[in-house]
Amino acid sequence: MNDAVRRVVDGRFRLEARLGGGGMGLVWRATDLVLRREVAVKEVRPSDPDLAEYDPEAAHHLRQRVLREARALARLDHPGVVTIHHIVDEGDGTYPWIVMELVPGGSLADRLAEGPMDPARAARLGLGVLSALRAAHDAGIQHRDVKPANVLLRPDGRPVLTDFGIAAIREATALTATGSLIGTPDYMAPERVSGQSGGPASDLWSLGMMLYTAVEGHHPLRRGTTLATLAAVLSEDIPPPAHAGPLTGLLVRLLDRDPSARPTAQAVERLLTEAAEGQHRPTTTSYRLQPPAPLPATTVPDAPVRRQRRWPAVVLPGAGVALAGVLAWNFLPLRGDTGTAGPSATPTPSVSASAESGSLLTPQGIKTALAAIEEKTGRDRFGSIGVYPDYVTAEVMVNGSDTKTESYTYRPGQGAKEGVIKRNIFPNSTPFTTDGFAWDKVPALFAEADRKLNVPEPELRYLLVSAPNKVFDTPVTFNAYLSDAYGGSGHLVADSQGKITKLYPAAN
């Protein structure tokens, strides 16, 4: 933008350069011509530019909501929340411009592109972000889009949240006009992806996912497409963090798909403070009464030398609201093992050790476990099944219901036991039986996974069986996963007869 065409907003703020943008508008570096200082100016606008034309009531509601949120934030005085200096409102038929402080240190996304953070540093950053979230929550404002790109860093490294509250306008557009889901799917809490408004606990999920990404150097649920990412957020297992150290237990609890089971903000602050100060308490069972789903709570020891991975900050495009709320959530109980790998076509030492001790990731092991669960429950219909080397878990359908499930876990020597989680599968997901499943193809699936998923030294492998879905016309699927000590993870998808349909290799 040269001097001849530079736009001046409200006769005062001269736009100098575009800093970024997303589904809800553009952000510019600008000069305040009155005070002669640099500022950031957000041009707020809906993802559909024709919204005002075909749904003027929705456009009016959107504008009013943005103004209400921006005014509330302007009264919020907190060092971790970007300061709003001015609101430019040109009346109905237009959308506001938000004038904010310019934070010059770049974003957390820029920092993480250089490599992961150590747990203590991530904990200190998390404390700053949490403090900002709590201040806003106390003011009745939710962020709804906590992610690395929305955490700016001051020159001294202190975090500052931006786009705070502005993301609340997502609902005003997503439900009225375009049918699009605005936001960043890989950091949205499952309940928000499924169409619920969520609450402060949803922002805490996003904080947990951001910290997981910061210490591991990769996002555990990001996939190649928006649909695949949304499906992963709703239903796929989150690999145990390998480099979280004292943050491990907190991340497990924050990434519980049940919002009511996540820790309070006060508890999160205490645990982050302990991690930041190096007060790592031994892992306890204090949160085992509400096990996270589907995250297995295994603490994998840090590798002696951490491999540095570069990863770009990715903002995924909007996805249809029809998707939200129709993918099944798979329940997986708390893990008690150390992530030993199962059998493979090319054994590594850890794989061989597991094979010698007897893995359930075999046709006979799976059949034995499911037979025990069916004998215990008297039922043979499932919402999902998860198979690990030393246990099998299943969502068993309640008699007479196509939606309600109860969790059961089988372990050798212990038999099948009922878990504490009872939940509904999502609408448009169909219960299934395992009649005719080609369990004998499971070893071949993992052999193919070893060859093609780009995880040369897997420390964890498991199989998830997902329910059919009416919306996407997908059948029941086998999903074979590999994960290594550095957070690398890949999986393949096959039908119930073992025919591979999709491959998702780990990133290089």
Protein backbone atom coordinates (compact mmCIF):
# COMPACT_ATOMS: atom_id res chain seq x y z
CA MET A 1 0.00 0.00 0.00
CA ASN A 2 1.75 3.18 -1.18
CA ASP A 3 1.22 6.71 0.13
CA ALA A 4 -1.13 7.64 -2.70
CA VAL A 5 -3.65 4.92 -1.88
CA ARG A 6 -3.31 4.60 1.89
CA ARG A 7 -6.74 4.58 3.47
CA VAL A 8 -7.49 6.74 6.48
CA VAL A 9 -10.16 5.33 8.77
CA ASP A 10 -12.35 7.80 10.66
CA GLY A 11 -10.14 10.62 9.42
CA ARG A 12 -7.50 9.58 11.91
CA PHE A 13 -6.03 6.08 11.48
CA ARG A 14 -3.91 5.65 8.36
CA LEU A 15 -3.56 2.01 7.31
CA GLU A 16 0.11 1.24 6.66
CA ALA A 17 0.40 -2.53 6.12
CA ARG A 18 -1.67 -5.64 6.52
CA LEU A 19 -0.62 -7.72 9.51
CA GLY A 20 -2.93 -10.69 9.08
CA GLY A 21 -6.48 -11.81 8.74
CA GLY A 22 -8.97 -14.58 9.21
CA GLY A 23 -12.60 -15.52 8.85
CA MET A 24 -13.81 -12.41 10.71
CA GLY A 25 -11.75 -9.67 9.13
CA LEU A 26 -8.32 -8.14 8.56
CA VAL A 27 -5.77 -6.62 10.93
CA TRP A 28 -3.67 -3.65 9.84
CA ARG A 29 -0.69 -1.80 11.22
CA ALA A 30 -1.78 1.82 11.23
CA THR A 31 -0.66 5.28 12.31
CA ASP A 32 -2.80 7.33 14.68
CA LEU A 33 -2.43 10.73 12.99
CA VAL A 34 -3.65 12.60 16.07
CA LEU A 35 -1.43 11.00 18.72
CA ARG A 36 1.33 10.11 16.24
CA ARG A 37 1.73 6.51 17.37
CA GLU A 38 1.47 3.12 15.78
CA VAL A 39 -1.64 1.05 16.47
CA ALA A 40 -3.29 -2.12 15.23
CA VAL A 41 -6.65 -1.73 13.51
CA LYS A 42 -9.01 -4.66 13.04
CA GLU A 43 -11.50 -4.42 10.22
CA VAL A 44 -14.30 -6.64 11.52
CA ARG A 45 -16.51 -8.20 8.89
CA PRO A 46 -18.45 -11.45 8.43
CA SER A 47 -17.10 -14.26 6.31
CA ASP A 48 -19.99 -13.70 3.87
CA PRO A 49 -19.84 -10.15 2.43
CA ASP A 50 -23.46 -10.41 1.25
CA LEU A 51 -24.86 -11.06 4.71
CA ALA A 52 -26.40 -7.58 5.03
CA GLU A 53 -28.13 -7.95 1.68
CA TYR A 54 -29.98 -11.22 2.21
CA ASP A 55 -30.23 -11.24 6.01
CA PRO A 56 -30.19 -7.64 7.28
CA GLU A 57 -31.46 -8.68 10.70
CA ALA A 58 -28.50 -11.02 11.15
CA ALA A 59 -26.10 -8.32 9.96
CA HIS A 60 -27.58 -5.87 12.48
CA HIS A 61 -27.29 -8.44 15.27
CA LEU A 62 -23.68 -9.12 14.30
CA ARG A 63 -22.80 -5.44 14.38
CA GLN A 64 -24.44 -4.91 17.76
CA ARG A 65 -22.73 -7.92 19.23
CA VAL A 66 -19.30 -6.81 18.04
CA LEU A 67 -19.86 -3.38 19.53
CA ARG A 68 -21.05 -4.84 22.83
CA GLU A 69 -18.04 -7.18 23.10
CA ALA A 70 -15.57 -4.47 22.07
CA ARG A 71 -16.95 -2.00 24.61
CA ALA A 72 -16.77 -4.59 27.36
CA LEU A 73 -13.17 -5.34 26.45
CA ALA A 74 -12.32 -1.64 26.35
CA ARG A 75 -13.26 -1.53 30.04
CA LEU A 76 -11.12 -4.57 30.81
CA ASP A 77 -7.76 -3.39 32.14
CA HIS A 78 -5.38 -6.34 32.19
CA PRO A 79 -1.75 -6.53 31.01
CA GLY A 80 -2.42 -9.87 29.31
CA VAL A 81 -5.32 -8.59 27.21
CA VAL A 82 -4.62 -6.38 24.22
CA THR A 83 -5.76 -2.82 24.97
CA ILE A 84 -8.59 -1.39 22.88
CA HIS A 85 -8.11 2.33 22.25
CA HIS A 86 -11.02 3.23 20.02
CA ILE A 87 -14.07 1.88 18.19
CA VAL A 88 -15.07 3.26 14.82
CA ASP A 89 -18.81 2.80 14.24
CA GLU A 90 -20.25 4.21 11.03
CA GLY A 91 -23.82 3.06 11.65
CA ASP A 92 -26.14 0.34 10.31
CA GLY A 93 -25.04 -1.28 7.11
CA THR A 94 -21.39 -1.14 8.18
CA TYR A 95 -19.19 -3.13 10.52
CA PRO A 96 -16.98 -1.68 13.26
CA TRP A 97 -13.26 -1.02 13.17
CA ILE A 98 -11.45 -1.87 16.40
CA VAL A 99 -8.34 0.19 17.17
CA MET A 100 -5.94 -1.64 19.52
CA GLU A 101 -2.45 -1.41 20.89
CA LEU A 102 0.24 -2.72 18.58
CA VAL A 103 2.22 -5.54 20.21
CA PRO A 104 5.56 -5.66 18.36
CA GLY A 105 7.01 -8.99 19.50
CA GLY A 106 5.32 -11.32 17.03
CA SER A 107 2.97 -14.16 17.93
CA LEU A 108 3.36 -17.47 19.73
CA ALA A 109 2.79 -19.12 16.36
CA ASP A 110 5.91 -17.36 15.07
CA ARG A 111 7.87 -18.52 18.12
CA LEU A 112 6.72 -22.14 17.83
CA ALA A 113 7.68 -22.24 14.16
CA GLU A 114 11.25 -22.20 15.48
CA GLY A 115 10.72 -25.35 17.59
CA PRO A 116 8.98 -26.54 20.79
CA MET A 117 9.24 -24.92 24.21
CA ASP A 118 10.47 -26.54 27.40
CA PRO A 119 7.69 -27.30 29.93
CA ALA A 120 8.69 -24.64 32.47
CA ARG A 121 8.71 -21.90 29.83
CA ALA A 122 5.39 -23.12 28.46
CA ALA A 123 3.94 -23.15 31.98
CA ARG A 124 4.99 -19.54 32.54
CA LEU A 125 3.40 -18.54 29.26
CA GLY A 126 0.29 -20.52 30.19
CA LEU A 127 0.01 -18.63 33.47
CA GLY A 128 -0.05 -15.34 31.59
CA VAL A 129 -2.70 -16.52 29.16
CA LEU A 130 -4.77 -18.05 31.97
CA SER A 131 -4.67 -14.80 33.92
CA ALA A 132 -6.06 -12.97 30.90
CA LEU A 133 -8.75 -15.59 30.39
CA ARG A 134 -9.84 -15.41 34.02
CA ALA A 135 -10.10 -11.63 33.89
CA ALA A 136 -12.27 -11.82 30.80
CA HIS A 137 -14.38 -14.69 32.14
CA ASP A 138 -15.01 -12.66 35.28
CA ALA A 139 -16.30 -9.89 32.99
CA GLY A 140 -18.61 -12.33 31.22
CA ILE A 141 -16.50 -12.57 28.07
CA GLN A 142 -15.30 -15.78 26.46
CA HIS A 143 -12.52 -15.88 23.92
CA ARG A 144 -13.62 -18.85 21.77
CA ASP A 145 -10.48 -18.81 19.62
CA VAL A 146 -7.45 -19.34 21.89
CA LYS A 147 -4.60 -20.43 19.63
CA PRO A 148 -0.91 -19.54 19.07
CA ALA A 149 -1.70 -16.96 16.38
CA ASN A 150 -3.89 -15.05 18.86
CA VAL A 151 -1.22 -14.92 21.57
CA LEU A 152 1.10 -12.01 20.93
CA LEU A 153 4.44 -11.70 22.70
CA ARG A 154 5.83 -8.50 24.14
CA PRO A 155 9.56 -7.95 23.67
CA ASP A 156 10.17 -9.37 27.16
CA GLY A 157 8.23 -12.52 26.27
CA ARG A 158 5.03 -11.81 28.22
CA PRO A 159 1.93 -13.08 26.39
CA VAL A 160 -0.95 -10.85 25.33
CA LEU A 161 -4.24 -12.25 24.07
CA THR A 162 -5.74 -10.58 21.03
CA ASP A 163 -9.07 -11.08 19.25
CA PHE A 164 -10.44 -11.47 22.76
CA GLY A 165 -14.20 -11.68 22.71
CA ILE A 166 -14.40 -10.73 19.06
CA ALA A 167 -14.55 -14.45 18.27
CA ALA A 168 -17.91 -14.52 20.05
CA ILE A 169 -19.45 -13.20 16.83
CA ARG A 170 -18.88 -16.65 15.37
CA GLU A 171 -22.32 -17.76 16.49
CA ALA A 172 -24.05 -14.75 14.98
CA THR A 173 -22.93 -15.67 11.48
CA ALA A 174 -22.59 -19.41 11.69
CA LEU A 175 -26.20 -19.95 12.69
CA THR A 176 -27.94 -17.37 10.56
CA ALA A 177 -26.64 -17.20 7.07
CA THR A 178 -23.71 -18.91 5.49
CA GLY A 179 -23.81 -22.26 7.23
CA SER A 180 -20.09 -21.94 7.91
CA LEU A 181 -18.24 -22.66 11.10
CA ILE A 182 -15.84 -19.81 11.77
CA GLY A 183 -12.80 -20.39 13.88
CA THR A 184 -9.82 -22.67 14.03
CA PRO A 185 -11.07 -26.27 14.30
CA ASP A 186 -7.87 -27.74 15.70
CA TYR A 187 -8.02 -25.54 18.82
CA MET A 188 -11.79 -25.55 19.33
CA ALA A 189 -13.19 -27.61 22.19
CA PRO A 190 -15.24 -30.64 21.10
CA GLU A 191 -18.44 -29.22 22.56
CA ARG A 192 -18.07 -26.10 20.44
CA VAL A 193 -17.32 -28.12 17.33
CA SER A 194 -20.50 -30.09 18.01
CA GLY A 195 -22.59 -26.92 17.96
CA GLN A 196 -22.82 -26.02 21.65
CA SER A 197 -21.95 -22.52 22.80
CA GLY A 198 -19.56 -23.84 25.43
CA GLY A 199 -18.31 -21.87 28.42
CA PRO A 200 -15.09 -20.96 30.24
CA ALA A 201 -14.14 -24.66 30.31
CA SER A 202 -14.06 -24.57 26.50
CA ASP A 203 -11.42 -21.84 26.58
CA LEU A 204 -9.44 -24.01 29.02
CA TRP A 205 -9.49 -26.92 26.52
CA SER A 206 -8.04 -24.54 23.92
CA LEU A 207 -5.38 -23.42 26.39
CA GLY A 208 -4.50 -27.05 27.07
CA MET A 209 -4.25 -27.85 23.36
CA MET A 210 -2.06 -24.81 22.80
CA LEU A 211 0.31 -25.84 25.61
CA TYR A 212 0.39 -29.43 24.31
CA THR A 213 1.40 -28.09 20.89
CA ALA A 214 3.99 -25.80 22.45
CA VAL A 215 5.87 -28.54 24.32
CA GLU A 216 5.45 -31.34 21.77
CA GLY A 217 6.25 -29.30 18.67
CA HIS A 218 3.19 -30.50 16.76
CA HIS A 219 -0.58 -30.47 17.01
CA PRO A 220 -1.90 -33.96 17.84
CA LEU A 221 -5.24 -33.64 16.01
CA ARG A 222 -4.43 -31.54 12.97
CA ARG A 223 -5.17 -33.44 9.78
CA GLY A 224 -4.87 -32.71 6.07
CA THR A 225 -8.39 -31.31 5.66
CA THR A 226 -10.85 -29.34 7.76
CA LEU A 227 -13.31 -32.24 7.83
CA ALA A 228 -10.62 -34.65 8.97
CA THR A 229 -9.49 -32.21 11.68
CA LEU A 230 -13.02 -31.73 12.98
CA ALA A 231 -13.52 -35.48 13.03
CA ALA A 232 -10.26 -35.88 14.97
CA VAL A 233 -11.26 -33.23 17.52
CA LEU A 234 -14.53 -35.05 18.10
CA SER A 235 -13.43 -38.65 18.15
CA GLU A 236 -9.75 -39.45 17.80
CA ASP A 237 -7.31 -40.42 20.52
CA ILE A 238 -4.81 -37.79 21.65
CA PRO A 239 -1.36 -39.39 21.95
CA PRO A 240 0.18 -39.03 25.41
CA PRO A 241 2.53 -36.04 25.51
CA ALA A 242 6.12 -37.21 25.42
CA HIS A 243 7.90 -33.99 26.44
CA ALA A 244 5.44 -32.31 28.81
CA GLY A 245 7.23 -33.37 31.99
CA PRO A 246 5.46 -31.72 34.97
CA LEU A 247 2.71 -30.48 32.62
CA THR A 248 1.64 -34.01 31.65
CA GLY A 249 -1.07 -34.52 34.26
CA LEU A 250 -2.54 -31.06 33.68
CA LEU A 251 -2.70 -31.53 29.91
CA VAL A 252 -4.44 -34.87 30.37
CA ARG A 253 -7.11 -33.22 32.52
CA LEU A 254 -7.55 -30.13 30.35
CA LEU A 255 -8.04 -32.28 27.24
CA ASP A 256 -10.92 -34.24 28.71
CA ARG A 257 -13.82 -34.20 26.26
CA ASP A 258 -16.25 -33.82 29.15
CA PRO A 259 -16.20 -30.08 30.05
CA SER A 260 -17.40 -30.75 33.59
CA ALA A 261 -14.40 -33.04 34.21
CA ARG A 262 -11.81 -30.39 33.35
CA PRO A 263 -10.10 -28.67 36.27
CA THR A 264 -11.19 -25.23 37.42
CA ALA A 265 -9.20 -22.17 36.50
CA GLN A 266 -7.92 -22.00 40.07
CA ALA A 267 -6.65 -25.58 39.88
CA VAL A 268 -5.04 -24.90 36.50
CA GLU A 269 -3.26 -21.87 37.95
CA ARG A 270 -1.88 -23.92 40.85
CA LEU A 271 -0.63 -26.70 38.59
CA LEU A 272 0.91 -24.27 36.11
CA THR A 273 2.66 -22.48 38.95
CA GLU A 274 4.12 -25.76 40.22
CA ALA A 275 5.34 -26.65 36.73
CA ALA A 276 6.81 -23.18 36.18
CA GLU A 277 8.70 -23.39 39.47
CA GLY A 278 9.86 -26.93 38.87
CA GLN A 279 7.69 -28.43 41.61
CA HIS A 280 6.88 -31.68 39.81
CA ARG A 281 4.82 -33.88 42.08
CA PRO A 282 4.68 -37.62 41.45
CA THR A 283 1.78 -38.73 39.31
CA THR A 284 -1.24 -39.62 41.44
CA THR A 285 -4.63 -41.07 40.82
CA SER A 286 -6.44 -37.94 41.98
CA TYR A 287 -8.14 -37.55 38.60
CA ARG A 288 -8.79 -41.20 37.81
CA LEU A 289 -12.40 -40.99 39.00
CA GLN A 290 -13.18 -38.92 35.92
CA PRO A 291 -10.84 -40.36 33.31
CA PRO A 292 -10.27 -38.23 30.25
CA ALA A 293 -11.83 -39.40 27.03
CA PRO A 294 -10.33 -40.40 24.73
CA LEU A 295 -6.93 -39.39 26.08
CA PRO A 296 -4.95 -42.25 27.68
CA ALA A 297 -3.01 -40.78 30.57
CA THR A 298 0.40 -42.26 29.97
CA THR A 299 3.49 -40.33 30.93
CA VAL A 300 6.10 -41.22 28.36
CA PRO A 301 9.61 -40.41 29.66
CA ASP A 302 11.43 -37.59 27.93
CA ALA A 303 13.90 -38.72 25.31
CA PRO A 304 17.56 -37.97 26.19
CA VAL A 305 17.88 -35.71 23.16
CA ARG A 306 14.87 -33.84 21.85
CA ARG A 307 14.43 -33.78 18.13
CA GLN A 308 13.52 -30.31 16.91
CA ARG A 309 10.56 -30.17 14.55
CA ARG A 310 9.54 -27.09 12.62
CA TRP A 311 5.83 -26.68 12.08
CA PRO A 312 3.86 -23.86 10.55
CA ALA A 313 0.97 -22.09 12.23
CA VAL A 314 -2.05 -23.33 10.33
CA VAL A 315 -5.43 -21.60 10.30
CA LEU A 316 -7.88 -23.98 8.72
CA PRO A 317 -10.79 -22.65 6.65
CA GLY A 318 -14.42 -22.79 7.76
CA ALA A 319 -16.36 -26.03 7.59
CA GLY A 320 -20.08 -26.70 7.23
CA VAL A 321 -22.14 -26.56 10.38
CA ALA A 322 -23.86 -29.72 9.16
CA LEU A 323 -20.67 -31.51 10.18
CA ALA A 324 -20.76 -30.30 13.76
CA GLY A 325 -22.34 -32.64 16.23
CA VAL A 326 -22.58 -35.71 14.04
CA LEU A 327 -19.28 -37.47 14.60
CA ALA A 328 -19.05 -40.00 17.42
CA TRP A 329 -16.79 -39.38 20.42
CA ASN A 330 -14.77 -42.45 21.26
CA PHE A 331 -14.20 -43.12 24.95
CA LEU A 332 -10.81 -44.45 25.93
CA PRO A 333 -10.00 -44.96 29.63
CA LEU A 334 -6.98 -43.87 31.55
CA ARG A 335 -3.87 -45.78 30.57
CA GLY A 336 -1.76 -47.42 33.19
CA ASP A 337 1.01 -48.80 31.00
CA THR A 338 4.11 -47.06 29.72
CA GLY A 339 3.22 -46.90 26.06
CA THR A 340 4.97 -50.11 25.01
CA ALA A 341 4.45 -50.83 21.35
CA GLY A 342 2.67 -53.86 20.01
CA PRO A 343 3.68 -56.35 17.32
CA SER A 344 4.78 -55.15 13.91
CA ALA A 345 6.23 -56.50 10.71
CA THR A 346 9.58 -54.86 11.49
CA PRO A 347 10.11 -55.32 15.23
CA THR A 348 12.03 -52.84 17.33
CA PRO A 349 13.24 -53.76 20.81
CA SER A 350 10.16 -52.23 22.47
CA VAL A 351 7.85 -54.01 20.02
CA SER A 352 9.50 -57.37 20.68
CA ALA A 353 9.20 -56.90 24.44
CA SER A 354 5.49 -56.31 24.08
CA ALA A 355 5.06 -59.34 21.87
CA GLU A 356 6.82 -61.55 24.40
CA SER A 357 4.54 -60.35 27.21
CA GLY A 358 1.41 -61.01 25.14
CA SER A 359 -0.31 -58.15 23.32
CA LEU A 360 -4.04 -57.76 22.86
CA LEU A 361 -3.35 -56.27 19.44
CA THR A 362 -3.80 -59.71 17.87
CA PRO A 363 -6.88 -61.34 16.38
CA GLN A 364 -7.22 -63.74 19.32
CA GLY A 365 -6.52 -61.02 21.88
CA ILE A 366 -9.26 -58.79 20.45
CA LYS A 367 -11.77 -61.66 20.25
CA THR A 368 -11.04 -62.71 23.83
CA ALA A 369 -11.50 -59.16 25.14
CA LEU A 370 -14.74 -58.52 23.27
CA ALA A 371 -16.14 -61.89 24.29
CA ALA A 372 -15.47 -61.00 27.94
CA ILE A 373 -17.15 -57.61 27.54
CA GLU A 374 -20.18 -59.16 25.84
CA GLU A 375 -20.43 -61.82 28.55
CA LYS A 376 -20.19 -59.16 31.27
CA THR A 377 -22.84 -56.90 29.73
CA GLY A 378 -25.05 -59.34 27.83
CA ARG A 379 -24.86 -56.87 24.95
CA ASP A 380 -23.12 -56.94 21.58
CA ARG A 381 -23.76 -53.45 20.12
CA PHE A 382 -21.09 -50.78 20.34
CA GLY A 383 -20.55 -47.07 19.81
CA SER A 384 -16.76 -47.45 19.58
CA ILE A 385 -13.96 -49.86 20.44
CA GLY A 386 -10.32 -49.13 21.33
CA VAL A 387 -7.62 -51.82 21.35
CA TYR A 388 -4.25 -51.27 23.05
CA PRO A 389 -1.45 -53.75 23.71
CA ASP A 390 -2.62 -54.43 27.26
CA TYR A 391 -6.30 -53.44 27.42
CA VAL A 392 -9.42 -53.10 25.30
CA THR A 393 -12.10 -50.49 25.90
CA ALA A 394 -15.57 -50.20 24.45
CA GLU A 395 -18.62 -47.99 24.50
CA VAL A 396 -21.39 -50.55 24.91
CA MET A 397 -24.90 -49.53 23.88
CA VAL A 398 -27.54 -49.50 26.60
CA ASN A 399 -30.30 -52.03 26.00
CA GLY A 400 -33.13 -50.53 23.97
CA SER A 401 -31.21 -47.38 23.06
CA ASP A 402 -29.43 -46.32 19.90
CA THR A 403 -27.78 -43.34 21.58
CA LYS A 404 -26.82 -44.13 25.19
CA THR A 405 -23.56 -45.93 25.97
CA GLU A 406 -21.68 -47.23 29.00
CA SER A 407 -17.93 -47.72 29.10
CA TYR A 408 -16.24 -51.07 29.79
CA THR A 409 -12.58 -52.04 29.90
CA TYR A 410 -10.99 -55.48 29.60
CA ARG A 411 -7.53 -56.28 30.98
CA PRO A 412 -5.92 -59.73 31.05
CA GLY A 413 -6.22 -61.25 34.50
CA GLN A 414 -8.84 -58.69 35.55
CA GLY A 415 -11.64 -59.41 33.09
CA ALA A 416 -14.16 -56.83 31.93
CA LYS A 417 -15.07 -53.99 34.30
CA GLU A 418 -17.54 -51.15 33.99
CA GLY A 419 -16.10 -47.64 33.74
CA VAL A 420 -17.44 -44.38 35.09
CA ILE A 421 -18.33 -42.69 31.80
CA LYS A 422 -21.88 -42.82 30.47
CA ARG A 423 -22.62 -40.75 27.40
CA ASN A 424 -24.65 -40.39 24.24
CA ILE A 425 -23.20 -41.03 20.83
CA PHE A 426 -23.83 -38.21 18.42
CA PRO A 427 -26.91 -38.05 16.22
CA ASN A 428 -26.40 -39.70 12.82
CA SER A 429 -23.87 -42.15 14.27
CA THR A 430 -25.10 -45.75 14.16
CA PRO A 431 -24.35 -48.49 16.71
CA PHE A 432 -22.59 -51.53 15.26
CA THR A 433 -21.93 -55.17 16.01
CA THR A 434 -18.65 -56.93 15.30
CA ASP A 435 -20.20 -59.83 13.40
CA GLY A 436 -18.07 -60.63 10.36
CA PHE A 437 -15.22 -58.27 11.29
CA ALA A 438 -11.91 -59.45 9.80
CA TRP A 439 -9.87 -59.27 12.99
CA ASP A 440 -7.32 -61.54 11.35
CA LYS A 441 -6.31 -58.60 9.13
CA VAL A 442 -5.18 -56.47 12.08
CA PRO A 443 -1.53 -57.66 12.02
CA ALA A 444 -1.37 -56.88 8.29
CA LEU A 445 -2.80 -53.40 8.92
CA PHE A 446 -0.06 -52.62 11.42
CA ALA A 447 2.56 -54.08 9.11
CA GLU A 448 1.34 -51.68 6.43
CA ALA A 449 1.31 -48.87 8.99
CA ASP A 450 4.96 -49.61 9.80
CA ARG A 451 5.82 -49.34 6.12
CA LYS A 452 3.83 -46.26 5.15
CA LEU A 453 3.08 -44.01 8.12
CA ASN A 454 6.56 -42.51 8.48
CA VAL A 455 6.89 -43.48 12.15
CA PRO A 456 10.13 -45.52 12.12
CA GLU A 457 10.35 -46.12 15.89
CA PRO A 458 6.81 -46.34 17.27
CA GLU A 459 6.44 -46.44 21.02
CA LEU A 460 2.67 -46.66 21.02
CA ARG A 461 0.27 -48.41 18.68
CA TYR A 462 -3.43 -48.94 18.99
CA LEU A 463 -6.58 -49.65 16.99
CA LEU A 464 -9.80 -47.62 17.13
CA VAL A 465 -13.05 -48.92 15.67
CA SER A 466 -15.38 -46.04 14.79
CA ALA A 467 -19.14 -46.20 14.25
CA PRO A 468 -20.80 -45.65 10.86
CA ASN A 469 -21.93 -42.11 10.10
CA LYS A 470 -25.07 -41.30 8.14
CA VAL A 471 -24.13 -37.76 7.19
CA PHE A 472 -20.89 -38.76 5.47
CA ASP A 473 -22.22 -42.15 4.39
CA THR A 474 -19.20 -43.81 6.00
CA PRO A 475 -19.22 -47.42 7.21
CA VAL A 476 -17.66 -48.73 10.40
CA THR A 477 -13.88 -48.25 10.16
CA PHE A 478 -10.68 -49.64 11.60
CA ASN A 479 -8.16 -46.90 12.47
CA ALA A 480 -4.61 -48.10 13.13
CA TYR A 481 -2.32 -45.57 14.88
CA LEU A 482 1.42 -45.32 15.43
CA SER A 483 3.08 -42.73 17.70
CA ASP A 484 6.74 -42.20 18.56
CA ALA A 485 8.55 -40.67 21.54
CA TYR A 486 8.90 -37.32 19.75
CA GLY A 487 5.18 -36.82 19.20
CA GLY A 488 5.16 -38.05 15.61
CA SER A 489 1.85 -39.72 14.88
CA GLY A 490 0.22 -41.27 11.82
CA HIS A 491 -2.73 -43.50 11.15
CA LEU A 492 -4.46 -45.45 8.43
CA VAL A 493 -8.14 -46.12 7.86
CA ALA A 494 -9.57 -49.44 6.71
CA ASP A 495 -13.00 -51.00 6.40
CA SER A 496 -14.14 -53.85 8.64
CA GLN A 497 -12.64 -56.36 6.19
CA GLY A 498 -9.19 -54.84 6.45
CA LYS A 499 -9.17 -53.00 3.12
CA ILE A 500 -7.17 -49.78 3.54
CA THR A 501 -9.02 -46.68 2.32
CA LYS A 502 -6.91 -43.76 3.59
CA LEU A 503 -3.39 -43.07 4.84
CA TYR A 504 -2.36 -40.20 7.13
CA PRO A 505 1.46 -40.40 7.49
CA ALA A 506 3.30 -38.49 10.20
CA ALA A 507 4.85 -35.20 9.14
CA ASN A 508 8.55 -35.26 8.38
